[in-house]
Amino acid sequence: MPDLCDHLRDATPHAPSTEGCEECLKTGGRWVHLRECLTCGHVGCCDSSPNTHATKHYHATKHPVMRSAQPGEDWRWCYVDEVMA
């Protein structure tokens, strides 16, 4: 397994901001899966969801690492280095 990038190595969980996609809950949107930002706890929908709010959060904030917020999944993704752990 390759070494983790610094972003993944330094990422730590935060309290999630909501129990669903923050933007979808406000607008009545829907999501497929949820992702949680490990910089601020923002919860957004995945790239398979119509609005891709997790990726939009990265582009707006440059917070580099998301984790899956799905029960039973335990992985993280670094947008900067395009590495999964």
PDB file of N, CA and C in Angstrom:
ATOM      1  N   MET A   1       0.844  -1.177   0.000  1.00  0.00           N
ATOM      2  CA  MET A   1       0.000   0.000   0.000  1.00  0.00           C
ATOM      3  C   MET A   1       0.891   1.242   0.000  1.00  0.00           C
ATOM      4  N   PRO A   2       0.603   2.228  -0.839  1.00  0.00           N
ATOM      5  CA  PRO A   2       1.426   3.427  -0.880  1.00  0.00           C
ATOM      6  C   PRO A   2       1.273   4.245   0.397  1.00  0.00           C
ATOM      7  N   ASP A   3       2.266   5.097   0.658  1.00  0.00           N
ATOM      8  CA  ASP A   3       2.202   5.976   1.816  1.00  0.00           C
ATOM      9  C   ASP A   3       1.015   6.916   1.694  1.00  0.00           C
ATOM     10  N   LEU A   4       0.465   7.271   2.836  1.00  0.00           N
ATOM     11  CA  LEU A   4      -0.619   8.243   2.850  1.00  0.00           C
ATOM     12  C   LEU A   4      -0.064   9.634   2.586  1.00  0.00           C
ATOM     13  N   CYS A   5      -0.860  10.453   1.913  1.00  0.00           N
ATOM     14  CA  CYS A   5      -0.445  11.845   1.733  1.00  0.00           C
ATOM     15  C   CYS A   5      -0.574  12.572   3.073  1.00  0.00           C
ATOM     16  N   ASP A   6       0.048  13.722   3.187  1.00  0.00           N
ATOM     17  CA  ASP A   6      -0.003  14.500   4.429  1.00  0.00           C
ATOM     18  C   ASP A   6      -1.433  14.876   4.806  1.00  0.00           C
ATOM     19  N   HIS A   7      -2.274  15.160   3.813  1.00  0.00           N
ATOM     20  CA  HIS A   7      -3.660  15.543   4.096  1.00  0.00           C
ATOM     21  C   HIS A   7      -4.405  14.411   4.800  1.00  0.00           C
ATOM     22  N   LEU A   8      -4.267  13.188   4.286  1.00  0.00           N
ATOM     23  CA  LEU A   8      -4.930  12.044   4.901  1.00  0.00           C
ATOM     24  C   LEU A   8      -4.347  11.732   6.269  1.00  0.00           C
ATOM     25  N   ARG A   9      -3.050  11.822   6.381  1.00  0.00           N
ATOM     26  CA  ARG A   9      -2.381  11.520   7.640  1.00  0.00           C
ATOM     27  C   ARG A   9      -2.825  12.495   8.739  1.00  0.00           C
ATOM     28  N   ASP A  10      -3.047  13.758   8.380  1.00  0.00           N
ATOM     29  CA  ASP A  10      -3.383  14.788   9.365  1.00  0.00           C
ATOM     30  C   ASP A  10      -4.886  14.956   9.603  1.00  0.00           C
ATOM     31  N   ALA A  11      -5.727  14.321   8.785  1.00  0.00           N
ATOM     32  CA  ALA A  11      -7.183  14.505   8.890  1.00  0.00           C
ATOM     33  C   ALA A  11      -7.729  13.862  10.161  1.00  0.00           C
ATOM     34  N   THR A  12      -8.627  14.583  10.832  1.00  0.00           N
ATOM     35  CA  THR A  12      -9.265  14.064  12.036  1.00  0.00           C
ATOM     36  C   THR A  12     -10.769  14.301  11.956  1.00  0.00           C
ATOM     37  N   PRO A  13     -11.553  13.375  12.496  1.00  0.00           N
ATOM     38  CA  PRO A  13     -13.010  13.546  12.463  1.00  0.00           C
ATOM     39  C   PRO A  13     -13.468  14.748  13.288  1.00  0.00           C
ATOM     40  N   HIS A  14     -14.561  15.345  12.866  1.00  0.00           N
ATOM     41  CA  HIS A  14     -15.232  16.430  13.576  1.00  0.00           C
ATOM     42  C   HIS A  14     -16.672  15.997  13.796  1.00  0.00           C
ATOM     43  N   ALA A  15     -17.379  16.692  14.631  1.00  0.00           N
ATOM     44  CA  ALA A  15     -18.810  16.411  14.776  1.00  0.00           C
ATOM     45  C   ALA A  15     -19.494  16.794  13.471  1.00  0.00           C
ATOM     46  N   PRO A  16     -20.277  15.890  12.880  1.00  0.00           N
ATOM     47  CA  PRO A  16     -20.967  16.225  11.630  1.00  0.00           C
ATOM     48  C   PRO A  16     -21.899  17.425  11.828  1.00  0.00           C
ATOM     49  N   SER A  17     -22.020  18.244  10.801  1.00  0.00           N
ATOM     50  CA  SER A  17     -22.844  19.452  10.888  1.00  0.00           C
ATOM     51  C   SER A  17     -24.334  19.134  10.851  1.00  0.00           C
ATOM     52  N   THR A  18     -24.724  18.047  10.191  1.00  0.00           N
ATOM     53  CA  THR A  18     -26.132  17.638  10.079  1.00  0.00           C
ATOM     54  C   THR A  18     -26.191  16.126   9.947  1.00  0.00           C
ATOM     55  N   GLU A  19     -27.409  15.589   9.923  1.00  0.00           N
ATOM     56  CA  GLU A  19     -27.589  14.145   9.721  1.00  0.00           C
ATOM     57  C   GLU A  19     -27.877  13.818   8.266  1.00  0.00           C
ATOM     58  N   GLY A  20     -27.788  14.800   7.394  1.00  0.00           N
ATOM     59  CA  GLY A  20     -27.988  14.614   5.964  1.00  0.00           C
ATOM     60  C   GLY A  20     -27.189  15.674   5.237  1.00  0.00           C
ATOM     61  N   CYS A  21     -27.285  15.703   3.931  1.00  0.00           N
ATOM     62  CA  CYS A  21     -26.579  16.712   3.153  1.00  0.00           C
ATOM     63  C   CYS A  21     -27.114  18.095   3.534  1.00  0.00           C
ATOM     64  N   GLU A  22     -26.225  18.938   4.000  1.00  0.00           N
ATOM     65  CA  GLU A  22     -26.614  20.255   4.507  1.00  0.00           C
ATOM     66  C   GLU A  22     -27.392  21.070   3.471  1.00  0.00           C
ATOM     67  N   GLU A  23     -26.890  21.144   2.255  1.00  0.00           N
ATOM     68  CA  GLU A  23     -27.549  21.932   1.208  1.00  0.00           C
ATOM     69  C   GLU A  23     -28.838  21.278   0.732  1.00  0.00           C
ATOM     70  N   CYS A  24     -28.844  19.953   0.562  1.00  0.00           N
ATOM     71  CA  CYS A  24     -30.057  19.262   0.118  1.00  0.00           C
ATOM     72  C   CYS A  24     -31.179  19.402   1.139  1.00  0.00           C
ATOM     73  N   LEU A  25     -30.845  19.365   2.426  1.00  0.00           N
ATOM     74  CA  LEU A  25     -31.871  19.542   3.452  1.00  0.00           C
ATOM     75  C   LEU A  25     -32.503  20.933   3.354  1.00  0.00           C
ATOM     76  N   LYS A  26     -31.697  21.937   3.008  1.00  0.00           N
ATOM     77  CA  LYS A  26     -32.210  23.305   2.899  1.00  0.00           C
ATOM     78  C   LYS A  26     -33.079  23.495   1.660  1.00  0.00           C
ATOM     79  N   THR A  27     -32.752  22.791   0.566  1.00  0.00           N
ATOM     80  CA  THR A  27     -33.437  23.031  -0.713  1.00  0.00           C
ATOM     81  C   THR A  27     -34.444  21.948  -1.093  1.00  0.00           C
ATOM     82  N   GLY A  28     -34.527  20.886  -0.289  1.00  0.00           N
ATOM     83  CA  GLY A  28     -35.421  19.789  -0.629  1.00  0.00           C
ATOM     84  C   GLY A  28     -34.826  18.831  -1.637  1.00  0.00           C
ATOM     85  N   GLY A  29     -33.513  18.897  -1.803  1.00  0.00           N
ATOM     86  CA  GLY A  29     -32.826  17.997  -2.729  1.00  0.00           C
ATOM     87  C   GLY A  29     -32.732  16.590  -2.160  1.00  0.00           C
ATOM     88  N   ARG A  30     -32.165  15.692  -2.946  1.00  0.00           N
ATOM     89  CA  ARG A  30     -31.992  14.304  -2.502  1.00  0.00           C
ATOM     90  C   ARG A  30     -30.539  13.886  -2.717  1.00  0.00           C
ATOM     91  N   TRP A  31     -30.137  12.866  -2.010  1.00  0.00           N
ATOM     92  CA  TRP A  31     -28.767  12.381  -2.125  1.00  0.00           C
ATOM     93  C   TRP A  31     -28.751  10.866  -2.198  1.00  0.00           C
ATOM     94  N   VAL A  32     -27.616  10.336  -2.679  1.00  0.00           N
ATOM     95  CA  VAL A  32     -27.407   8.893  -2.762  1.00  0.00           C
ATOM     96  C   VAL A  32     -26.603   8.436  -1.546  1.00  0.00           C
ATOM     97  N   HIS A  33     -25.446   9.055  -1.322  1.00  0.00           N
ATOM     98  CA  HIS A  33     -24.580   8.758  -0.182  1.00  0.00           C
ATOM     99  C   HIS A  33     -24.073  10.066   0.393  1.00  0.00           C
ATOM    100  N   LEU A  34     -23.610  10.010   1.638  1.00  0.00           N
ATOM    101  CA  LEU A  34     -23.127  11.214   2.323  1.00  0.00           C
ATOM    102  C   LEU A  34     -21.636  11.155   2.566  1.00  0.00           C
ATOM    103  N   ARG A  35     -21.019  12.319   2.535  1.00  0.00           N
ATOM    104  CA  ARG A  35     -19.595  12.487   2.813  1.00  0.00           C
ATOM    105  C   ARG A  35     -19.437  13.583   3.867  1.00  0.00           C
ATOM    106  N   GLU A  36     -18.465  13.407   4.747  1.00  0.00           N
ATOM    107  CA  GLU A  36     -18.209  14.380   5.812  1.00  0.00           C
ATOM    108  C   GLU A  36     -16.813  14.973   5.666  1.00  0.00           C
ATOM    109  N   CYS A  37     -16.732  16.287   5.700  1.00  0.00           N
ATOM    110  CA  CYS A  37     -15.457  16.990   5.621  1.00  0.00           C
ATOM    111  C   CYS A  37     -14.695  16.795   6.928  1.00  0.00           C
ATOM    112  N   LEU A  38     -13.442  16.382   6.838  1.00  0.00           N
ATOM    113  CA  LEU A  38     -12.640  16.176   8.038  1.00  0.00           C
ATOM    114  C   LEU A  38     -11.902  17.436   8.471  1.00  0.00           C
ATOM    115  N   THR A  39     -12.188  18.560   7.836  1.00  0.00           N
ATOM    116  CA  THR A  39     -11.660  19.843   8.304  1.00  0.00           C
ATOM    117  C   THR A  39     -12.691  20.558   9.169  1.00  0.00           C
ATOM    118  N   CYS A  40     -13.972  20.517   8.743  1.00  0.00           N
ATOM    119  CA  CYS A  40     -14.982  21.309   9.459  1.00  0.00           C
ATOM    120  C   CYS A  40     -16.239  20.548   9.848  1.00  0.00           C
ATOM    121  N   GLY A  41     -16.425  19.314   9.384  1.00  0.00           N
ATOM    122  CA  GLY A  41     -17.608  18.539   9.723  1.00  0.00           C
ATOM    123  C   GLY A  41     -18.784  18.728   8.776  1.00  0.00           C
ATOM    124  N   HIS A  42     -18.622  19.534   7.731  1.00  0.00           N
ATOM    125  CA  HIS A  42     -19.706  19.732   6.760  1.00  0.00           C
ATOM    126  C   HIS A  42     -20.110  18.395   6.154  1.00  0.00           C
ATOM    127  N   VAL A  43     -21.417  18.150   6.056  1.00  0.00           N
ATOM    128  CA  VAL A  43     -21.922  16.932   5.441  1.00  0.00           C
ATOM    129  C   VAL A  43     -22.504  17.303   4.084  1.00  0.00           C
ATOM    130  N   GLY A  44     -22.014  16.632   3.041  1.00  0.00           N
ATOM    131  CA  GLY A  44     -22.481  16.875   1.686  1.00  0.00           C
ATOM    132  C   GLY A  44     -22.767  15.576   0.982  1.00  0.00           C
ATOM    133  N   CYS A  45     -23.450  15.660  -0.139  1.00  0.00           N
ATOM    134  CA  CYS A  45     -23.798  14.464  -0.905  1.00  0.00           C
ATOM    135  C   CYS A  45     -22.662  14.092  -1.876  1.00  0.00           C
ATOM    136  N   CYS A  46     -22.607  12.816  -2.210  1.00  0.00           N
ATOM    137  CA  CYS A  46     -21.534  12.258  -3.034  1.00  0.00           C
ATOM    138  C   CYS A  46     -21.680  12.647  -4.506  1.00  0.00           C
ATOM    139  N   ASP A  47     -20.695  12.269  -5.300  1.00  0.00           N
ATOM    140  CA  ASP A  47     -20.702  12.583  -6.727  1.00  0.00           C
ATOM    141  C   ASP A  47     -21.731  11.773  -7.521  1.00  0.00           C
ATOM    142  N   SER A  48     -22.324  10.745  -6.930  1.00  0.00           N
ATOM    143  CA  SER A  48     -23.415  10.021  -7.582  1.00  0.00           C
ATOM    144  C   SER A  48     -24.763  10.699  -7.327  1.00  0.00           C
ATOM    145  N   SER A  49     -24.779  11.650  -6.435  1.00  0.00           N
ATOM    146  CA  SER A  49     -25.995  12.407  -6.124  1.00  0.00           C
ATOM    147  C   SER A  49     -26.169  13.530  -7.142  1.00  0.00           C
ATOM    148  N   PRO A  50     -27.409  13.984  -7.366  1.00  0.00           N
ATOM    149  CA  PRO A  50     -27.643  15.008  -8.384  1.00  0.00           C
ATOM    150  C   PRO A  50     -26.854  16.308  -8.174  1.00  0.00           C
ATOM    151  N   ASN A  51     -26.611  16.704  -6.924  1.00  0.00           N
ATOM    152  CA  ASN A  51     -26.000  18.014  -6.681  1.00  0.00           C
ATOM    153  C   ASN A  51     -24.529  17.997  -6.265  1.00  0.00           C
ATOM    154  N   THR A  52     -23.958  16.864  -6.025  1.00  0.00           N
ATOM    155  CA  THR A  52     -22.526  16.699  -5.708  1.00  0.00           C
ATOM    156  C   THR A  52     -22.005  17.744  -4.708  1.00  0.00           C
ATOM    157  N   HIS A  53     -22.720  17.928  -3.607  1.00  0.00           N
ATOM    158  CA  HIS A  53     -22.363  18.985  -2.663  1.00  0.00           C
ATOM    159  C   HIS A  53     -21.035  18.755  -1.929  1.00  0.00           C
ATOM    160  N   ALA A  54     -20.611  17.518  -1.730  1.00  0.00           N
ATOM    161  CA  ALA A  54     -19.324  17.289  -1.064  1.00  0.00           C
ATOM    162  C   ALA A  54     -18.178  17.833  -1.917  1.00  0.00           C
ATOM    163  N   THR A  55     -18.192  17.545  -3.206  1.00  0.00           N
ATOM    164  CA  THR A  55     -17.148  18.057  -4.097  1.00  0.00           C
ATOM    165  C   THR A  55     -17.249  19.571  -4.228  1.00  0.00           C
ATOM    166  N   LYS A  56     -18.459  20.101  -4.292  1.00  0.00           N
ATOM    167  CA  LYS A  56     -18.630  21.561  -4.341  1.00  0.00           C
ATOM    168  C   LYS A  56     -18.071  22.208  -3.079  1.00  0.00           C
ATOM    169  N   HIS A  57     -18.237  21.546  -1.936  1.00  0.00           N
ATOM    170  CA  HIS A  57     -17.666  22.055  -0.686  1.00  0.00           C
ATOM    171  C   HIS A  57     -16.142  22.126  -0.793  1.00  0.00           C
ATOM    172  N   TYR A  58     -15.529  21.083  -1.340  1.00  0.00           N
ATOM    173  CA  TYR A  58     -14.070  21.112  -1.523  1.00  0.00           C
ATOM    174  C   TYR A  58     -13.662  22.295  -2.409  1.00  0.00           C
ATOM    175  N   HIS A  59     -14.313  22.477  -3.537  1.00  0.00           N
ATOM    176  CA  HIS A  59     -13.938  23.567  -4.450  1.00  0.00           C
ATOM    177  C   HIS A  59     -14.126  24.945  -3.807  1.00  0.00           C
ATOM    178  N   ALA A  60     -15.132  25.086  -2.966  1.00  0.00           N
ATOM    179  CA  ALA A  60     -15.401  26.379  -2.316  1.00  0.00           C
ATOM    180  C   ALA A  60     -14.453  26.657  -1.157  1.00  0.00           C
ATOM    181  N   THR A  61     -14.030  25.611  -0.445  1.00  0.00           N
ATOM    182  CA  THR A  61     -13.255  25.807   0.783  1.00  0.00           C
ATOM    183  C   THR A  61     -11.805  25.354   0.691  1.00  0.00           C
ATOM    184  N   LYS A  62     -11.524  24.454  -0.242  1.00  0.00           N
ATOM    185  CA  LYS A  62     -10.212  23.791  -0.364  1.00  0.00           C
ATOM    186  C   LYS A  62      -9.908  22.895   0.834  1.00  0.00           C
ATOM    187  N   HIS A  63     -10.940  22.475   1.590  1.00  0.00           N
ATOM    188  CA  HIS A  63     -10.745  21.482   2.650  1.00  0.00           C
ATOM    189  C   HIS A  63     -10.469  20.155   1.955  1.00  0.00           C
ATOM    190  N   PRO A  64      -9.302  19.548   2.171  1.00  0.00           N
ATOM    191  CA  PRO A  64      -8.836  18.471   1.292  1.00  0.00           C
ATOM    192  C   PRO A  64      -9.432  17.080   1.482  1.00  0.00           C
ATOM    193  N   VAL A  65      -9.920  16.734   2.681  1.00  0.00           N
ATOM    194  CA  VAL A  65     -10.264  15.334   2.929  1.00  0.00           C
ATOM    195  C   VAL A  65     -11.723  15.167   3.351  1.00  0.00           C
ATOM    196  N   MET A  66     -12.391  14.221   2.694  1.00  0.00           N
ATOM    197  CA  MET A  66     -13.746  13.795   3.048  1.00  0.00           C
ATOM    198  C   MET A  66     -13.671  12.346   3.495  1.00  0.00           C
ATOM    199  N   ARG A  67     -14.614  11.975   4.329  1.00  0.00           N
ATOM    200  CA  ARG A  67     -14.762  10.561   4.686  1.00  0.00           C
ATOM    201  C   ARG A  67     -16.169  10.146   4.337  1.00  0.00           C
ATOM    202  N   SER A  68     -16.359   8.851   4.134  1.00  0.00           N
ATOM    203  CA  SER A  68     -17.709   8.347   3.918  1.00  0.00           C
ATOM    204  C   SER A  68     -18.478   8.490   5.220  1.00  0.00           C
ATOM    205  N   ALA A  69     -19.709   8.951   5.131  1.00  0.00           N
ATOM    206  CA  ALA A  69     -20.584   9.042   6.304  1.00  0.00           C
ATOM    207  C   ALA A  69     -21.651   7.949   6.247  1.00  0.00           C
ATOM    208  N   GLN A  70     -21.397   6.929   5.437  1.00  0.00           N
ATOM    209  CA  GLN A  70     -22.337   5.818   5.296  1.00  0.00           C
ATOM    210  C   GLN A  70     -22.046   4.759   6.357  1.00  0.00           C
ATOM    211  N   PRO A  71     -23.079   4.229   7.010  1.00  0.00           N
ATOM    212  CA  PRO A  71     -22.859   3.144   7.979  1.00  0.00           C
ATOM    213  C   PRO A  71     -22.135   1.972   7.320  1.00  0.00           C
ATOM    214  N   GLY A  72     -21.150   1.449   8.015  1.00  0.00           N
ATOM    215  CA  GLY A  72     -20.401   0.295   7.527  1.00  0.00           C
ATOM    216  C   GLY A  72     -19.251   0.630   6.588  1.00  0.00           C
ATOM    217  N   GLU A  73     -19.117   1.892   6.187  1.00  0.00           N
ATOM    218  CA  GLU A  73     -17.994   2.290   5.325  1.00  0.00           C
ATOM    219  C   GLU A  73     -16.963   3.043   6.159  1.00  0.00           C
ATOM    220  N   ASP A  74     -15.701   2.761   5.892  1.00  0.00           N
ATOM    221  CA  ASP A  74     -14.620   3.398   6.647  1.00  0.00           C
ATOM    222  C   ASP A  74     -13.492   3.746   5.685  1.00  0.00           C
ATOM    223  N   TRP A  75     -13.658   4.818   4.933  1.00  0.00           N
ATOM    224  CA  TRP A  75     -12.617   5.260   4.015  1.00  0.00           C
ATOM    225  C   TRP A  75     -12.604   6.776   3.967  1.00  0.00           C
ATOM    226  N   ARG A  76     -11.471   7.298   3.521  1.00  0.00           N
ATOM    227  CA  ARG A  76     -11.282   8.745   3.362  1.00  0.00           C
ATOM    228  C   ARG A  76     -10.740   9.009   1.964  1.00  0.00           C
ATOM    229  N   TRP A  77     -11.020  10.203   1.435  1.00  0.00           N
ATOM    230  CA  TRP A  77     -10.579  10.601   0.105  1.00  0.00           C
ATOM    231  C   TRP A  77      -9.928  11.970   0.184  1.00  0.00           C
ATOM    232  N   CYS A  78      -8.734  12.079  -0.396  1.00  0.00           N
ATOM    233  CA  CYS A  78      -8.050  13.364  -0.489  1.00  0.00           C
ATOM    234  C   CYS A  78      -8.268  13.924  -1.892  1.00  0.00           C
ATOM    235  N   TYR A  79      -8.952  15.065  -1.972  1.00  0.00           N
ATOM    236  CA  TYR A  79      -9.194  15.703  -3.261  1.00  0.00           C
ATOM    237  C   TYR A  79      -7.903  16.230  -3.880  1.00  0.00           C
ATOM    238  N   VAL A  80      -6.999  16.723  -3.064  1.00  0.00           N
ATOM    239  CA  VAL A  80      -5.769  17.332  -3.567  1.00  0.00           C
ATOM    240  C   VAL A  80      -4.887  16.297  -4.267  1.00  0.00           C
ATOM    241  N   ASP A  81      -4.621  15.205  -3.570  1.00  0.00           N
ATOM    242  CA  ASP A  81      -3.704  14.183  -4.073  1.00  0.00           C
ATOM    243  C   ASP A  81      -4.417  13.013  -4.763  1.00  0.00           C
ATOM    244  N   GLU A  82      -5.757  13.034  -4.760  1.00  0.00           N
ATOM    245  CA  GLU A  82      -6.563  11.965  -5.366  1.00  0.00           C
ATOM    246  C   GLU A  82      -6.134  10.595  -4.860  1.00  0.00           C
ATOM    247  N   VAL A  83      -6.129  10.478  -3.531  1.00  0.00           N
ATOM    248  CA  VAL A  83      -5.719   9.243  -2.856  1.00  0.00           C
ATOM    249  C   VAL A  83      -6.826   8.834  -1.890  1.00  0.00           C
ATOM    250  N   MET A  84      -7.100   7.532  -1.851  1.00  0.00           N
ATOM    251  CA  MET A  84      -8.087   6.992  -0.923  1.00  0.00           C
ATOM    252  C   MET A  84      -7.370   6.181   0.158  1.00  0.00           C
ATOM    253  N   ALA A  85      -7.901   6.223   1.351  1.00  0.00           N
ATOM    254  CA  ALA A  85      -7.350   5.413   2.440  1.00  0.00           C
ATOM    255  C   ALA A  85      -8.479   4.750   3.194  1.00  0.00           C
TER     256      ALA A  85
END
